[in-house]
């Protein structure tokens, strides 16, 4: 089993667009407050300007085993490479006046460990109670006893969804589409 989570194995199955996000376009950000890795409660509907939220299934250190068959689930593998690509382009996102968060259903404590491990300059949000994913009816992975958000990136402006990327593949290239979209809007 591949334990270097920064590496994307060849021949990963590509997810297909199953229409699970078609309802999102134009949606208003619901009045939801989530815990961040900074320990703060973040009110997403009160964030002005551009807001980028990349949702991912799960991430963690190599010593924590991935669920059985993880690499065979289309779109599951690649959370760490996706996060690192947002980290590596964070200054560009800031220059485009975008607030950035990563989000999963993992606890804020688990995410804090990940944030430190890969040196993320932005916070991650915990949707552990599935409040955000339920309100937006996001597509989910159900793996063993885990309920995980499928990889989707949402771009809001002043609380209104402007663009989403789904399915996201390969995950480490998602940042390119996000940056291109934001630059077009300038």
Protein backbone atom coordinates (compact mmCIF):
# COMPACT_ATOMS: atom_id res chain seq x y z
CA UNK A 1 0.00 0.00 0.00
CA UNK A 2 1.21 3.49 -0.88
CA UNK A 3 1.85 5.40 2.34
CA UNK A 4 3.22 8.63 0.88
CA UNK A 5 0.00 10.64 0.83
CA UNK A 6 1.60 13.49 -1.13
CA UNK A 7 1.87 11.12 -4.07
CA UNK A 8 -0.98 10.30 -6.45
CA UNK A 9 -0.71 6.71 -7.64
CA UNK A 10 -1.10 6.12 -11.38
CA UNK A 11 -4.35 4.74 -12.77
CA UNK A 12 -6.64 6.15 -10.10
CA UNK A 13 -10.26 5.82 -11.23
CA UNK A 14 -11.59 9.14 -12.49
CA UNK A 15 -14.88 10.26 -10.96
CA UNK A 16 -17.73 11.09 -13.33
CA UNK A 17 -20.14 13.97 -13.08
CA UNK A 18 -23.26 12.33 -11.66
CA UNK A 19 -25.16 15.62 -11.44
CA UNK A 20 -24.96 15.64 -7.64
CA UNK A 21 -23.98 19.33 -7.59
CA UNK A 22 -26.28 20.64 -10.35
CA UNK A 23 -28.60 22.21 -7.75
CA UNK A 24 -25.85 24.38 -6.24
CA UNK A 25 -25.49 27.15 -8.82
CA UNK A 26 -26.71 30.47 -7.45
CA UNK A 27 -27.31 29.10 -3.97
CA UNK A 28 -26.92 31.49 -1.04
CA UNK A 29 -24.54 30.53 1.73
CA UNK A 30 -26.67 29.22 4.56
CA UNK A 31 -26.26 30.79 8.00
CA UNK A 32 -23.88 28.12 9.29
CA UNK A 33 -21.11 28.34 11.86
CA UNK A 34 -18.31 25.75 11.83
CA UNK A 35 -15.26 25.17 14.04
CA UNK A 36 -11.92 25.97 12.44
CA UNK A 37 -8.49 24.60 13.14
CA UNK A 38 -7.74 27.93 14.85
CA UNK A 39 -10.38 27.00 17.44
CA UNK A 40 -12.67 29.79 16.28
CA UNK A 41 -16.26 29.43 15.20
CA UNK A 42 -16.54 30.70 11.61
CA UNK A 43 -19.79 32.15 10.30
CA UNK A 44 -19.53 31.43 6.60
CA UNK A 45 -22.47 33.63 5.59
CA UNK A 46 -20.71 36.68 7.06
CA UNK A 47 -17.56 36.44 4.94
CA UNK A 48 -17.51 39.28 2.40
CA UNK A 49 -15.99 39.06 -1.07
CA UNK A 50 -14.60 35.89 -2.57
CA UNK A 51 -14.75 32.72 -0.50
CA UNK A 52 -13.22 29.47 -1.74
CA UNK A 53 -14.05 26.25 0.10
CA UNK A 54 -12.48 23.07 -1.15
CA UNK A 55 -14.26 20.08 0.34
CA UNK A 56 -12.38 16.81 0.57
CA UNK A 57 -13.14 13.35 1.98
CA UNK A 58 -10.41 12.96 4.59
CA UNK A 59 -6.76 13.52 5.15
CA UNK A 60 -4.20 12.48 7.66
CA UNK A 61 -0.74 11.19 8.38
CA UNK A 62 0.65 8.10 6.69
CA UNK A 63 0.53 6.05 9.92
CA UNK A 64 -3.28 6.17 9.88
CA UNK A 65 -4.45 3.49 7.45
CA UNK A 66 -6.75 4.49 4.62
CA UNK A 67 -10.08 2.67 4.47
CA UNK A 68 -9.95 -0.63 2.55
CA UNK A 69 -10.21 -0.08 -1.21
CA UNK A 70 -9.69 3.69 -0.87
CA UNK A 71 -7.66 3.98 -4.08
CA UNK A 72 -10.43 2.20 -6.02
CA UNK A 73 -13.11 4.73 -5.02
CA UNK A 74 -13.32 7.33 -7.82
CA UNK A 75 -12.20 10.70 -6.50
CA UNK A 76 -11.32 9.55 -2.98
CA UNK A 77 -7.52 9.65 -3.10
CA UNK A 78 -5.66 12.94 -3.26
CA UNK A 79 -6.63 15.08 -0.27
CA UNK A 80 -3.07 15.91 0.74
CA UNK A 81 -1.94 16.81 -2.82
CA UNK A 82 -5.01 19.03 -3.19
CA UNK A 83 -4.34 20.80 0.13
CA UNK A 84 -0.67 21.26 -0.77
CA UNK A 85 -1.60 22.83 -4.11
CA UNK A 86 -3.83 25.37 -2.34
CA UNK A 87 -0.99 25.98 0.12
CA UNK A 88 1.52 26.50 -2.68
CA UNK A 89 -0.75 29.05 -4.42
CA UNK A 90 -2.07 30.73 -1.29
CA UNK A 91 -0.37 34.06 -1.99
CA UNK A 92 -2.00 34.18 -5.45
CA UNK A 93 -5.38 33.52 -3.86
CA UNK A 94 -4.77 36.34 -1.38
CA UNK A 95 -3.79 38.69 -4.23
CA UNK A 96 -7.18 37.86 -5.79
CA UNK A 97 -8.83 38.81 -2.46
CA UNK A 98 -10.06 35.28 -1.81
CA UNK A 99 -10.60 33.81 1.64
CA UNK A 100 -9.76 30.09 1.56
CA UNK A 101 -10.81 27.15 3.70
CA UNK A 102 -10.50 23.43 3.33
CA UNK A 103 -13.40 21.39 4.74
CA UNK A 104 -14.04 17.78 5.66
CA UNK A 105 -16.18 15.84 8.10
CA UNK A 106 -13.14 15.13 10.26
CA UNK A 107 -12.84 16.68 13.70
CA UNK A 108 -11.09 20.03 14.07
CA UNK A 109 -8.43 18.29 16.20
CA UNK A 110 -7.66 15.80 13.43
CA UNK A 111 -7.55 18.62 10.91
CA UNK A 112 -5.26 20.72 13.14
CA UNK A 113 -2.71 17.90 13.08
CA UNK A 114 -2.93 17.83 9.29
CA UNK A 115 -2.67 21.60 8.99
CA UNK A 116 0.53 21.54 11.03
CA UNK A 117 1.94 18.49 9.22
CA UNK A 118 1.72 20.02 5.76
CA UNK A 119 2.16 23.66 6.88
CA UNK A 120 -1.11 25.12 5.62
CA UNK A 121 -1.29 28.94 5.88
CA UNK A 122 -5.10 28.86 6.06
CA UNK A 123 -7.57 27.14 8.35
CA UNK A 124 -9.55 23.99 7.79
CA UNK A 125 -13.20 23.71 8.81
CA UNK A 126 -14.85 20.74 10.47
CA UNK A 127 -18.27 19.67 9.23
CA UNK A 128 -18.22 16.79 11.71
CA UNK A 129 -21.95 17.19 12.41
CA UNK A 130 -22.74 17.32 8.63
CA UNK A 131 -24.46 20.69 9.02
CA UNK A 132 -22.87 22.30 5.97
CA UNK A 133 -22.93 19.23 3.74
CA UNK A 134 -26.59 18.57 4.62
CA UNK A 135 -27.67 22.19 4.08
CA UNK A 136 -26.04 22.26 0.64
CA UNK A 137 -26.94 18.62 -0.10
CA UNK A 138 -23.34 17.87 -1.06
CA UNK A 139 -22.46 14.49 -2.54
CA UNK A 140 -21.06 12.07 0.02
CA UNK A 141 -18.90 8.95 0.22
CA UNK A 142 -20.13 6.24 2.59
CA UNK A 143 -17.16 4.02 3.44
CA UNK A 144 -17.51 1.54 6.28
CA UNK A 145 -18.76 3.68 9.19
CA UNK A 146 -17.42 6.93 7.70
CA UNK A 147 -19.53 9.64 6.08
CA UNK A 148 -17.23 11.79 3.96
CA UNK A 149 -17.78 14.70 1.59
CA UNK A 150 -16.93 13.95 -2.01
CA UNK A 151 -14.37 16.31 -3.46
CA UNK A 152 -16.06 19.54 -4.57
CA UNK A 153 -14.77 23.12 -4.61
CA UNK A 154 -17.19 25.98 -4.05
CA UNK A 155 -16.59 29.64 -4.90
CA UNK A 156 -18.86 32.22 -3.29
CA UNK A 157 -18.93 35.98 -3.68
CA UNK A 158 -20.66 37.94 -0.94
CA UNK A 159 -22.49 34.78 0.14
CA UNK A 160 -23.77 33.76 -3.32
CA UNK A 161 -22.37 30.65 -5.01
CA UNK A 162 -20.74 31.74 -8.25
CA UNK A 163 -18.96 28.58 -9.36
CA UNK A 164 -18.34 25.03 -8.30
CA UNK A 165 -15.94 22.37 -9.49
CA UNK A 166 -17.26 18.81 -9.39
CA UNK A 167 -16.00 16.24 -9.88
CA UNK A 168 -12.48 17.36 -9.05
CA UNK A 169 -9.83 15.29 -10.80
CA UNK A 170 -6.92 15.19 -10.53
CA UNK A 171 -7.14 16.83 -7.12
CA UNK A 172 -3.73 18.51 -7.28
CA UNK A 173 -4.80 20.42 -10.43
CA UNK A 174 -8.01 21.85 -8.92
CA UNK A 175 -6.14 24.99 -7.89
CA UNK A 176 -5.47 25.79 -11.56
CA UNK A 177 -9.19 25.91 -12.37
CA UNK A 178 -9.91 27.97 -9.23
CA UNK A 179 -7.22 30.53 -10.05
CA UNK A 180 -8.31 30.75 -13.70
CA UNK A 181 -11.91 31.37 -12.65
CA UNK A 182 -11.00 34.06 -10.09
CA UNK A 183 -8.67 35.82 -12.57
CA UNK A 184 -11.48 35.90 -15.17
CA UNK A 185 -13.67 37.69 -12.62
CA UNK A 186 -11.18 40.50 -11.95
